[in-house]
PDB file of N, CA and C in Angstrom:
ATOM      1  N   MET A   1     -82.044-104.346 163.598  1.00  0.00           N
ATOM      2  CA  MET A   1     -82.458-105.453 162.760  1.00  0.00           C
ATOM      3  C   MET A   1     -81.403-106.563 162.829  1.00  0.00           C
ATOM      4  N   ALA A   2     -81.834-107.754 163.038  1.00  0.00           N
ATOM      5  CA  ALA A   2     -80.923-108.897 163.157  1.00  0.00           C
ATOM      6  C   ALA A   2     -80.477-109.371 161.778  1.00  0.00           C
ATOM      7  N   THR A   3     -79.260-109.901 161.732  1.00  0.00           N
ATOM      8  CA  THR A   3     -78.720-110.494 160.512  1.00  0.00           C
ATOM      9  C   THR A   3     -78.242-111.898 160.835  1.00  0.00           C
ATOM     10  N   SER A   4     -77.989-112.664 159.797  1.00  0.00           N
ATOM     11  CA  SER A   4     -77.480-114.020 160.005  1.00  0.00           C
ATOM     12  C   SER A   4     -76.300-114.277 159.087  1.00  0.00           C
ATOM     13  N   THR A   5     -75.392-115.114 159.550  1.00  0.00           N
ATOM     14  CA  THR A   5     -74.210-115.510 158.799  1.00  0.00           C
ATOM     15  C   THR A   5     -74.132-117.027 158.813  1.00  0.00           C
ATOM     16  N   VAL A   6     -73.945-117.628 157.634  1.00  0.00           N
ATOM     17  CA  VAL A   6     -73.804-119.082 157.551  1.00  0.00           C
ATOM     18  C   VAL A   6     -72.455-119.473 158.140  1.00  0.00           C
ATOM     19  N   MET A   7     -72.482-120.338 159.145  1.00  0.00           N
ATOM     20  CA  MET A   7     -71.256-120.768 159.827  1.00  0.00           C
ATOM     21  C   MET A   7     -70.762-122.117 159.311  1.00  0.00           C
ATOM     22  N   ASN A   8     -71.681-123.063 159.098  1.00  0.00           N
ATOM     23  CA  ASN A   8     -71.344-124.410 158.635  1.00  0.00           C
ATOM     24  C   ASN A   8     -72.374-124.856 157.625  1.00  0.00           C
ATOM     25  N   SER A   9     -71.941-125.720 156.723  1.00  0.00           N
ATOM     26  CA  SER A   9     -72.859-126.269 155.731  1.00  0.00           C
ATOM     27  C   SER A   9     -72.583-127.764 155.586  1.00  0.00           C
ATOM     28  N   GLN A  10     -73.642-128.518 155.347  1.00  0.00           N
ATOM     29  CA  GLN A  10     -73.552-129.975 155.252  1.00  0.00           C
ATOM     30  C   GLN A  10     -74.383-130.446 154.063  1.00  0.00           C
ATOM     31  N   LEU A  11     -73.832-131.380 153.296  1.00  0.00           N
ATOM     32  CA  LEU A  11     -74.558-132.008 152.199  1.00  0.00           C
ATOM     33  C   LEU A  11     -75.077-133.345 152.700  1.00  0.00           C
ATOM     34  N   GLN A  12     -76.366-133.595 152.482  1.00  0.00           N
ATOM     35  CA  GLN A  12     -76.973-134.839 152.952  1.00  0.00           C
ATOM     36  C   GLN A  12     -77.617-135.570 151.786  1.00  0.00           C
ATOM     37  N   LEU A  13     -77.198-136.815 151.580  1.00  0.00           N
ATOM     38  CA  LEU A  13     -77.839-137.692 150.614  1.00  0.00           C
ATOM     39  C   LEU A  13     -78.838-138.553 151.362  1.00  0.00           C
ATOM     40  N   VAL A  14     -80.068-138.548 150.917  1.00  0.00           N
ATOM     41  CA  VAL A  14     -81.103-139.389 151.504  1.00  0.00           C
ATOM     42  C   VAL A  14     -81.277-140.564 150.542  1.00  0.00           C
ATOM     43  N   LEU A  15     -80.980-141.763 151.032  1.00  0.00           N
ATOM     44  CA  LEU A  15     -80.999-142.967 150.199  1.00  0.00           C
ATOM     45  C   LEU A  15     -82.150-143.874 150.601  1.00  0.00           C
ATOM     46  N   GLU A  16     -82.692-144.564 149.615  1.00  0.00           N
ATOM     47  CA  GLU A  16     -83.780-145.506 149.861  1.00  0.00           C
ATOM     48  C   GLU A  16     -83.180-146.862 150.210  1.00  0.00           C
ATOM     49  N   ASN A  17     -83.475-147.331 151.419  1.00  0.00           N
ATOM     50  CA  ASN A  17     -82.893-148.568 151.931  1.00  0.00           C
ATOM     51  C   ASN A  17     -83.982-149.640 152.066  1.00  0.00           C
ATOM     52  N   GLY A  18     -84.781-149.821 151.000  1.00  0.00           N
ATOM     53  CA  GLY A  18     -85.854-150.811 151.018  1.00  0.00           C
ATOM     54  C   GLY A  18     -87.184-150.189 151.392  1.00  0.00           C
ATOM     55  N   THR A  19     -88.147-151.059 151.706  1.00  0.00           N
ATOM     56  CA  THR A  19     -89.481-150.609 152.094  1.00  0.00           C
ATOM     57  C   THR A  19     -89.923-151.348 153.350  1.00  0.00           C
ATOM     58  N   ASP A  20     -90.841-150.710 154.087  1.00  0.00           N
ATOM     59  CA  ASP A  20     -91.388-151.362 155.275  1.00  0.00           C
ATOM     60  C   ASP A  20     -92.575-152.239 154.886  1.00  0.00           C
ATOM     61  N   GLU A  21     -93.265-152.812 155.881  1.00  0.00           N
ATOM     62  CA  GLU A  21     -94.370-153.735 155.624  1.00  0.00           C
ATOM     63  C   GLU A  21     -95.562-153.068 154.946  1.00  0.00           C
ATOM     64  N   LYS A  22     -95.656-151.734 155.029  1.00  0.00           N
ATOM     65  CA  LYS A  22     -96.749-151.002 154.382  1.00  0.00           C
ATOM     66  C   LYS A  22     -96.363-150.484 152.997  1.00  0.00           C
ATOM     67  N   GLY A  23     -95.140-150.741 152.582  1.00  0.00           N
ATOM     68  CA  GLY A  23     -94.676-150.284 151.280  1.00  0.00           C
ATOM     69  C   GLY A  23     -94.059-148.897 151.286  1.00  0.00           C
ATOM     70  N   ASN A  24     -93.913-148.305 152.453  1.00  0.00           N
ATOM     71  CA  ASN A  24     -93.281-146.992 152.555  1.00  0.00           C
ATOM     72  C   ASN A  24     -91.763-147.135 152.494  1.00  0.00           C
ATOM     73  N   PRO A  25     -91.077-146.175 151.886  1.00  0.00           N
ATOM     74  CA  PRO A  25     -89.618-146.289 151.794  1.00  0.00           C
ATOM     75  C   PRO A  25     -88.951-146.143 153.164  1.00  0.00           C
ATOM     76  N   ILE A  26     -87.913-146.927 153.368  1.00  0.00           N
ATOM     77  CA  ILE A  26     -87.050-146.792 154.540  1.00  0.00           C
ATOM     78  C   ILE A  26     -85.875-145.940 154.078  1.00  0.00           C
ATOM     79  N   LEU A  27     -85.645-144.817 154.761  1.00  0.00           N
ATOM     80  CA  LEU A  27     -84.633-143.869 154.320  1.00  0.00           C
ATOM     81  C   LEU A  27     -83.404-143.916 155.210  1.00  0.00           C
ATOM     82  N   LYS A  28     -82.243-143.727 154.579  1.00  0.00           N
ATOM     83  CA  LYS A  28     -80.965-143.713 155.271  1.00  0.00           C
ATOM     84  C   LYS A  28     -80.232-142.453 154.828  1.00  0.00           C
ATOM     85  N   ASN A  29     -79.633-141.741 155.765  1.00  0.00           N
ATOM     86  CA  ASN A  29     -78.925-140.499 155.456  1.00  0.00           C
ATOM     87  C   ASN A  29     -77.424-140.715 155.431  1.00  0.00           C
ATOM     88  N   LYS A  30     -76.768-140.096 154.455  1.00  0.00           N
ATOM     89  CA  LYS A  30     -75.302-140.023 154.404  1.00  0.00           C
ATOM     90  C   LYS A  30     -74.962-138.545 154.440  1.00  0.00           C
ATOM     91  N   ASN A  31     -74.198-138.134 155.444  1.00  0.00           N
ATOM     92  CA  ASN A  31     -73.880-136.727 155.635  1.00  0.00           C
ATOM     93  C   ASN A  31     -72.425-136.455 155.278  1.00  0.00           C
ATOM     94  N   PHE A  32     -72.202-135.336 154.607  1.00  0.00           N
ATOM     95  CA  PHE A  32     -70.871-134.886 154.237  1.00  0.00           C
ATOM     96  C   PHE A  32     -70.685-133.487 154.811  1.00  0.00           C
ATOM     97  N   ASN A  33     -69.777-133.373 155.775  1.00  0.00           N
ATOM     98  CA  ASN A  33     -69.545-132.123 156.495  1.00  0.00           C
ATOM     99  C   ASN A  33     -68.491-131.269 155.802  1.00  0.00           C
ATOM    100  N   ASN A  34     -68.303-130.086 156.325  1.00  0.00           N
ATOM    101  CA  ASN A  34     -67.292-129.134 155.866  1.00  0.00           C
ATOM    102  C   ASN A  34     -67.481-128.713 154.417  1.00  0.00           C
ATOM    103  N   VAL A  35     -68.741-128.583 153.999  1.00  0.00           N
ATOM    104  CA  VAL A  35     -69.051-128.074 152.675  1.00  0.00           C
ATOM    105  C   VAL A  35     -68.811-126.568 152.697  1.00  0.00           C
ATOM    106  N   LYS A  36     -68.250-126.040 151.628  1.00  0.00           N
ATOM    107  CA  LYS A  36     -68.022-124.594 151.564  1.00  0.00           C
ATOM    108  C   LYS A  36     -69.358-123.869 151.676  1.00  0.00           C
ATOM    109  N   THR A  37     -69.397-122.876 152.530  1.00  0.00           N
ATOM    110  CA  THR A  37     -70.648-122.173 152.776  1.00  0.00           C
ATOM    111  C   THR A  37     -71.121-121.370 151.572  1.00  0.00           C
ATOM    112  N   ASP A  38     -70.221-121.064 150.650  1.00  0.00           N
ATOM    113  CA  ASP A  38     -70.605-120.304 149.460  1.00  0.00           C
ATOM    114  C   ASP A  38     -70.845-121.198 148.239  1.00  0.00           C
ATOM    115  N   ALA A  39     -70.905-122.508 148.434  1.00  0.00           N
ATOM    116  CA  ALA A  39     -71.180-123.430 147.326  1.00  0.00           C
ATOM    117  C   ALA A  39     -72.596-123.202 146.797  1.00  0.00           C
ATOM    118  N   THR A  40     -72.734-123.197 145.480  1.00  0.00           N
ATOM    119  CA  THR A  40     -74.036-122.967 144.860  1.00  0.00           C
ATOM    120  C   THR A  40     -74.844-124.267 144.819  1.00  0.00           C
ATOM    121  N   PRO A  41     -76.153-124.169 144.656  1.00  0.00           N
ATOM    122  CA  PRO A  41     -76.964-125.386 144.512  1.00  0.00           C
ATOM    123  C   PRO A  41     -76.519-126.256 143.332  1.00  0.00           C
ATOM    124  N   ASP A  42     -76.129-125.643 142.220  1.00  0.00           N
ATOM    125  CA  ASP A  42     -75.647-126.418 141.074  1.00  0.00           C
ATOM    126  C   ASP A  42     -74.376-127.191 141.406  1.00  0.00           C
ATOM    127  N   GLN A  43     -73.474-126.576 142.137  1.00  0.00           N
ATOM    128  CA  GLN A  43     -72.235-127.252 142.532  1.00  0.00           C
ATOM    129  C   GLN A  43     -72.531-128.429 143.462  1.00  0.00           C
ATOM    130  N   LEU A  44     -73.421-128.225 144.418  1.00  0.00           N
ATOM    131  CA  LEU A  44     -73.770-129.309 145.340  1.00  0.00           C
ATOM    132  C   LEU A  44     -74.483-130.441 144.612  1.00  0.00           C
ATOM    133  N   TRP A  45     -75.324-130.101 143.648  1.00  0.00           N
ATOM    134  CA  TRP A  45     -76.028-131.119 142.872  1.00  0.00           C
ATOM    135  C   TRP A  45     -75.022-131.964 142.082  1.00  0.00           C
ATOM    136  N   ALA A  46     -74.012-131.342 141.498  1.00  0.00           N
ATOM    137  CA  ALA A  46     -72.990-132.072 140.743  1.00  0.00           C
ATOM    138  C   ALA A  46     -72.214-133.023 141.657  1.00  0.00           C
ATOM    139  N   VAL A  47     -71.861-132.548 142.843  1.00  0.00           N
ATOM    140  CA  VAL A  47     -71.147-133.401 143.804  1.00  0.00           C
ATOM    141  C   VAL A  47     -72.040-134.550 144.247  1.00  0.00           C
ATOM    142  N   ALA A  48     -73.309-134.258 144.528  1.00  0.00           N
ATOM    143  CA  ALA A  48     -74.247-135.305 144.956  1.00  0.00           C
ATOM    144  C   ALA A  48     -74.379-136.380 143.887  1.00  0.00           C
ATOM    145  N   ASN A  49     -74.476-135.987 142.632  1.00  0.00           N
ATOM    146  CA  ASN A  49     -74.585-136.974 141.552  1.00  0.00           C
ATOM    147  C   ASN A  49     -73.334-137.828 141.429  1.00  0.00           C
ATOM    148  N   ALA A  50     -72.175-137.245 141.661  1.00  0.00           N
ATOM    149  CA  ALA A  50     -70.935-138.023 141.634  1.00  0.00           C
ATOM    150  C   ALA A  50     -70.888-139.013 142.795  1.00  0.00           C
ATOM    151  N   LEU A  51     -71.354-138.589 143.966  1.00  0.00           N
ATOM    152  CA  LEU A  51     -71.346-139.469 145.135  1.00  0.00           C
ATOM    153  C   LEU A  51     -72.395-140.574 145.040  1.00  0.00           C
ATOM    154  N   VAL A  52     -73.514-140.295 144.398  1.00  0.00           N
ATOM    155  CA  VAL A  52     -74.576-141.301 144.255  1.00  0.00           C
ATOM    156  C   VAL A  52     -74.077-142.503 143.471  1.00  0.00           C
ATOM    157  N   ALA A  53     -73.208-142.267 142.511  1.00  0.00           N
ATOM    158  CA  ALA A  53     -72.661-143.367 141.720  1.00  0.00           C
ATOM    159  C   ALA A  53     -71.859-144.340 142.581  1.00  0.00           C
ATOM    160  N   LEU A  54     -71.401-143.883 143.732  1.00  0.00           N
ATOM    161  CA  LEU A  54     -70.606-144.729 144.630  1.00  0.00           C
ATOM    162  C   LEU A  54     -71.441-145.400 145.712  1.00  0.00           C
ATOM    163  N   GLN A  55     -72.739-145.102 145.749  1.00  0.00           N
ATOM    164  CA  GLN A  55     -73.604-145.619 146.807  1.00  0.00           C
ATOM    165  C   GLN A  55     -74.254-146.940 146.403  1.00  0.00           C
ATOM    166  N   GLN A  56     -74.592-147.727 147.396  1.00  0.00           N
ATOM    167  CA  GLN A  56     -75.226-149.024 147.192  1.00  0.00           C
ATOM    168  C   GLN A  56     -76.733-148.896 146.978  1.00  0.00           C
ATOM    169  N   HIS A  57     -77.350-147.861 147.556  1.00  0.00           N
ATOM    170  CA  HIS A  57     -78.801-147.697 147.510  1.00  0.00           C
ATOM    171  C   HIS A  57     -79.178-146.535 146.592  1.00  0.00           C
ATOM    172  N   PRO A  58     -80.404-146.555 146.040  1.00  0.00           N
ATOM    173  CA  PRO A  58     -80.830-145.471 145.147  1.00  0.00           C
ATOM    174  C   PRO A  58     -81.101-144.168 145.897  1.00  0.00           C
ATOM    175  N   LEU A  59     -80.920-143.063 145.183  1.00  0.00           N
ATOM    176  CA  LEU A  59     -81.118-141.735 145.754  1.00  0.00           C
ATOM    177  C   LEU A  59     -82.593-141.415 145.904  1.00  0.00           C
ATOM    178  N   TYR A  60     -82.964-140.871 147.044  1.00  0.00           N
ATOM    179  CA  TYR A  60     -84.333-140.423 147.316  1.00  0.00           C
ATOM    180  C   TYR A  60     -84.405-138.894 147.292  1.00  0.00           C
ATOM    181  N   ALA A  61     -83.398-138.232 147.890  1.00  0.00           N
ATOM    182  CA  ALA A  61     -83.383-136.768 147.935  1.00  0.00           C
ATOM    183  C   ALA A  61     -81.971-136.279 148.228  1.00  0.00           C
ATOM    184  N   VAL A  62     -81.731-135.012 147.896  1.00  0.00           N
ATOM    185  CA  VAL A  62     -80.485-134.321 148.237  1.00  0.00           C
ATOM    186  C   VAL A  62     -80.869-133.110 149.077  1.00  0.00           C
ATOM    187  N   GLU A  63     -80.199-132.943 150.218  1.00  0.00           N
ATOM    188  CA  GLU A  63     -80.512-131.834 151.106  1.00  0.00           C
ATOM    189  C   GLU A  63     -79.240-131.095 151.490  1.00  0.00           C
ATOM    190  N   ARG A  64     -79.416-129.815 151.757  1.00  0.00           N
ATOM    191  CA  ARG A  64     -78.321-128.996 152.273  1.00  0.00           C
ATOM    192  C   ARG A  64     -78.764-128.469 153.630  1.00  0.00           C
ATOM    193  N   ASN A  65     -77.918-128.658 154.627  1.00  0.00           N
ATOM    194  CA  ASN A  65     -78.218-128.197 155.977  1.00  0.00           C
ATOM    195  C   ASN A  65     -77.200-127.129 156.368  1.00  0.00           C
ATOM    196  N   ASP A  66     -77.687-125.925 156.610  1.00  0.00           N
ATOM    197  CA  ASP A  66     -76.833-124.810 157.002  1.00  0.00           C
ATOM    198  C   ASP A  66     -77.061-124.469 158.467  1.00  0.00           C
ATOM    199  N   SER A  67     -75.981-124.141 159.156  1.00  0.00           N
ATOM    200  CA  SER A  67     -76.051-123.609 160.515  1.00  0.00           C
ATOM    201  C   SER A  67     -75.722-122.128 160.417  1.00  0.00           C
ATOM    202  N   LYS A  68     -76.571-121.302 161.005  1.00  0.00           N
ATOM    203  CA  LYS A  68     -76.376-119.853 160.914  1.00  0.00           C
ATOM    204  C   LYS A  68     -76.247-119.254 162.296  1.00  0.00           C
ATOM    205  N   GLU A  69     -75.458-118.195 162.370  1.00  0.00           N
ATOM    206  CA  GLU A  69     -75.314-117.432 163.591  1.00  0.00           C
ATOM    207  C   GLU A  69     -76.114-116.142 163.426  1.00  0.00           C
ATOM    208  N   LEU A  70     -76.962-115.862 164.405  1.00  0.00           N
ATOM    209  CA  LEU A  70     -77.756-114.638 164.377  1.00  0.00           C
ATOM    210  C   LEU A  70     -77.018-113.547 165.140  1.00  0.00           C
ATOM    211  N   GLN A  71     -77.051-112.344 164.561  1.00  0.00           N
ATOM    212  CA  GLN A  71     -76.368-111.202 165.172  1.00  0.00           C
ATOM    213  C   GLN A  71     -77.295-110.007 165.159  1.00  0.00           C
ATOM    214  N   ASN A  72     -77.159-109.165 166.133  1.00  0.00           N
ATOM    215  CA  ASN A  72     -77.977-107.966 166.200  1.00  0.00           C
ATOM    216  C   ASN A  72     -77.187-106.763 165.729  1.00  0.00           C
TER     217      ASN A  72
END
């Protein structure tokens, strides 16, 4: 049975950077690397809220991107 181990984690803020001609949001990503792999969703949410206060554009979404290594 294969297992996986989280190798890297990244916090991504998705910001709204205006709208296009159809009124759909134009999204811009801000990525923060070297996030602790054992960080909880609550911890990441708190950091994201602190970082949003420093951003020029409004927040659209918060995402976490993990890279995993598969092992047999």
